[in-house]
Amino acid sequence: MSDNGHFDFKKHWLALTPDEREAFAQEAGTTSHYIQTHLTGKRKMPGKVLMNGLF
């Protein structure tokens, strides 16, 4: 995270190992494939339930 408080989700996601990505996705209530495909490229805005799981 930078000094201005900006959080780069894509950088965070790409820094995780494949096992960490699976665990993160499972805890968030989705799959690592869904996150990689839809959320890291800013193609979709997660719904409220998923957003709460991610953060």
N, C-alpha and C. Protein backbone atom coordinates (compact mmCIF):
# COMPACT_ATOMS: atom_id res chain seq x y z
N MET A 1 0.85 -1.17 0.00
CA MET A 1 0.00 0.00 0.00
C MET A 1 0.89 1.23 0.00
N SER A 2 0.51 2.23 -0.76
CA SER A 2 1.32 3.44 -0.83
C SER A 2 0.96 4.40 0.30
N ASP A 3 1.69 5.50 0.34
CA ASP A 3 1.49 6.48 1.41
C ASP A 3 0.11 7.12 1.39
N ASN A 4 -0.52 7.22 0.21
CA ASN A 4 -1.82 7.88 0.14
C ASN A 4 -2.98 6.94 0.46
N GLY A 5 -2.71 5.71 0.83
CA GLY A 5 -3.76 4.79 1.24
C GLY A 5 -4.41 4.03 0.10
N HIS A 6 -3.89 4.13 -1.12
CA HIS A 6 -4.44 3.43 -2.28
C HIS A 6 -4.06 1.95 -2.21
N PHE A 7 -5.06 1.09 -2.36
CA PHE A 7 -4.82 -0.35 -2.35
C PHE A 7 -4.98 -0.88 -3.76
N ASP A 8 -3.95 -1.52 -4.29
CA ASP A 8 -4.00 -2.08 -5.64
C ASP A 8 -4.30 -3.57 -5.53
N PHE A 9 -5.57 -3.93 -5.74
CA PHE A 9 -5.99 -5.32 -5.59
C PHE A 9 -5.25 -6.23 -6.56
N LYS A 10 -5.06 -5.79 -7.79
CA LYS A 10 -4.39 -6.63 -8.78
C LYS A 10 -2.96 -6.96 -8.35
N LYS A 11 -2.23 -5.97 -7.87
CA LYS A 11 -0.85 -6.22 -7.41
C LYS A 11 -0.85 -7.18 -6.23
N HIS A 12 -1.79 -6.99 -5.32
CA HIS A 12 -1.91 -7.88 -4.17
C HIS A 12 -2.19 -9.31 -4.65
N TRP A 13 -3.14 -9.46 -5.55
CA TRP A 13 -3.52 -10.78 -6.06
C TRP A 13 -2.34 -11.46 -6.75
N LEU A 14 -1.64 -10.73 -7.60
CA LEU A 14 -0.54 -11.32 -8.35
C LEU A 14 0.65 -11.68 -7.46
N ALA A 15 0.74 -11.07 -6.30
CA ALA A 15 1.83 -11.37 -5.37
C ALA A 15 1.58 -12.66 -4.59
N LEU A 16 0.34 -13.16 -4.61
CA LEU A 16 0.01 -14.39 -3.88
C LEU A 16 0.46 -15.62 -4.66
N THR A 17 0.80 -16.67 -3.93
CA THR A 17 1.10 -17.95 -4.56
C THR A 17 -0.22 -18.59 -5.00
N PRO A 18 -0.18 -19.58 -5.88
CA PRO A 18 -1.43 -20.25 -6.28
C PRO A 18 -2.22 -20.81 -5.09
N ASP A 19 -1.54 -21.37 -4.12
CA ASP A 19 -2.24 -21.89 -2.93
C ASP A 19 -2.87 -20.77 -2.12
N GLU A 20 -2.16 -19.65 -2.00
CA GLU A 20 -2.70 -18.49 -1.28
C GLU A 20 -3.91 -17.92 -2.01
N ARG A 21 -3.86 -17.93 -3.34
CA ARG A 21 -5.00 -17.44 -4.12
C ARG A 21 -6.23 -18.31 -3.90
N GLU A 22 -6.03 -19.63 -3.89
CA GLU A 22 -7.15 -20.55 -3.65
C GLU A 22 -7.75 -20.31 -2.26
N ALA A 23 -6.89 -20.17 -1.26
CA ALA A 23 -7.37 -19.94 0.11
C ALA A 23 -8.10 -18.60 0.21
N PHE A 24 -7.55 -17.57 -0.40
CA PHE A 24 -8.17 -16.24 -0.39
C PHE A 24 -9.55 -16.30 -1.04
N ALA A 25 -9.63 -16.94 -2.20
CA ALA A 25 -10.89 -17.04 -2.93
C ALA A 25 -11.92 -17.83 -2.14
N GLN A 26 -11.49 -18.93 -1.56
CA GLN A 26 -12.42 -19.77 -0.78
C GLN A 26 -12.97 -18.97 0.41
N GLU A 27 -12.11 -18.24 1.08
CA GLU A 27 -12.55 -17.43 2.22
C GLU A 27 -13.52 -16.33 1.78
N ALA A 28 -13.32 -15.83 0.56
CA ALA A 28 -14.20 -14.78 0.03
C ALA A 28 -15.50 -15.34 -0.53
N GLY A 29 -15.57 -16.66 -0.69
CA GLY A 29 -16.80 -17.27 -1.18
C GLY A 29 -16.88 -17.34 -2.70
N THR A 30 -15.73 -17.44 -3.35
CA THR A 30 -15.70 -17.54 -4.81
C THR A 30 -14.53 -18.43 -5.21
N THR A 31 -14.16 -18.39 -6.48
CA THR A 31 -13.03 -19.19 -6.96
C THR A 31 -11.89 -18.28 -7.39
N SER A 32 -10.69 -18.83 -7.40
CA SER A 32 -9.55 -18.04 -7.85
C SER A 32 -9.69 -17.70 -9.33
N HIS A 33 -10.31 -18.60 -10.09
CA HIS A 33 -10.52 -18.35 -11.52
C HIS A 33 -11.44 -17.14 -11.72
N TYR A 34 -12.50 -17.06 -10.94
CA TYR A 34 -13.43 -15.92 -11.05
C TYR A 34 -12.70 -14.62 -10.73
N ILE A 35 -11.92 -14.61 -9.67
CA ILE A 35 -11.18 -13.40 -9.30
C ILE A 35 -10.22 -13.01 -10.41
N GLN A 36 -9.45 -13.98 -10.91
CA GLN A 36 -8.47 -13.70 -11.96
C GLN A 36 -9.15 -13.18 -13.22
N THR A 37 -10.25 -13.79 -13.60
CA THR A 37 -10.92 -13.44 -14.85
C THR A 37 -11.68 -12.13 -14.77
N HIS A 38 -12.42 -11.92 -13.70
CA HIS A 38 -13.34 -10.79 -13.66
C HIS A 38 -12.91 -9.62 -12.79
N LEU A 39 -12.19 -9.87 -11.74
CA LEU A 39 -11.92 -8.79 -10.79
C LEU A 39 -10.56 -8.13 -10.96
N THR A 40 -9.54 -8.88 -11.37
CA THR A 40 -8.22 -8.25 -11.52
C THR A 40 -8.16 -7.36 -12.75
N GLY A 41 -9.01 -7.63 -13.73
CA GLY A 41 -9.04 -6.79 -14.93
C GLY A 41 -10.07 -5.69 -14.87
N LYS A 42 -10.70 -5.54 -13.71
CA LYS A 42 -11.72 -4.50 -13.49
C LYS A 42 -12.87 -4.61 -14.49
N ARG A 43 -13.25 -5.86 -14.81
CA ARG A 43 -14.35 -6.07 -15.74
C ARG A 43 -15.70 -6.04 -15.04
N LYS A 44 -15.71 -6.41 -13.78
CA LYS A 44 -16.96 -6.47 -13.02
C LYS A 44 -16.77 -5.81 -11.66
N MET A 45 -17.86 -5.30 -11.14
CA MET A 45 -17.87 -4.80 -9.77
C MET A 45 -18.50 -5.90 -8.93
N PRO A 46 -17.77 -6.40 -7.93
CA PRO A 46 -18.33 -7.47 -7.11
C PRO A 46 -19.60 -7.01 -6.40
N GLY A 47 -20.52 -7.96 -6.22
CA GLY A 47 -21.72 -7.68 -5.44
C GLY A 47 -21.37 -7.47 -3.98
N LYS A 48 -22.35 -7.04 -3.20
CA LYS A 48 -22.10 -6.69 -1.80
C LYS A 48 -21.56 -7.87 -1.00
N VAL A 49 -22.14 -9.06 -1.17
CA VAL A 49 -21.70 -10.22 -0.40
C VAL A 49 -20.26 -10.57 -0.74
N LEU A 50 -19.93 -10.61 -2.03
CA LEU A 50 -18.56 -10.93 -2.43
C LEU A 50 -17.60 -9.83 -2.00
N MET A 51 -18.01 -8.59 -2.13
CA MET A 51 -17.15 -7.47 -1.71
C MET A 51 -16.81 -7.59 -0.23
N ASN A 52 -17.80 -7.93 0.58
CA ASN A 52 -17.55 -8.12 2.01
C ASN A 52 -16.58 -9.27 2.24
N GLY A 53 -16.68 -10.32 1.45
CA GLY A 53 -15.77 -11.45 1.58
C GLY A 53 -14.35 -11.09 1.17
N LEU A 54 -14.22 -10.25 0.17
CA LEU A 54 -12.89 -9.86 -0.31
C LEU A 54 -12.19 -8.92 0.66
N PHE A 55 -12.96 -8.06 1.33
CA PHE A 55 -12.36 -7.09 2.22
C PHE A 55 -12.92 -7.26 3.59
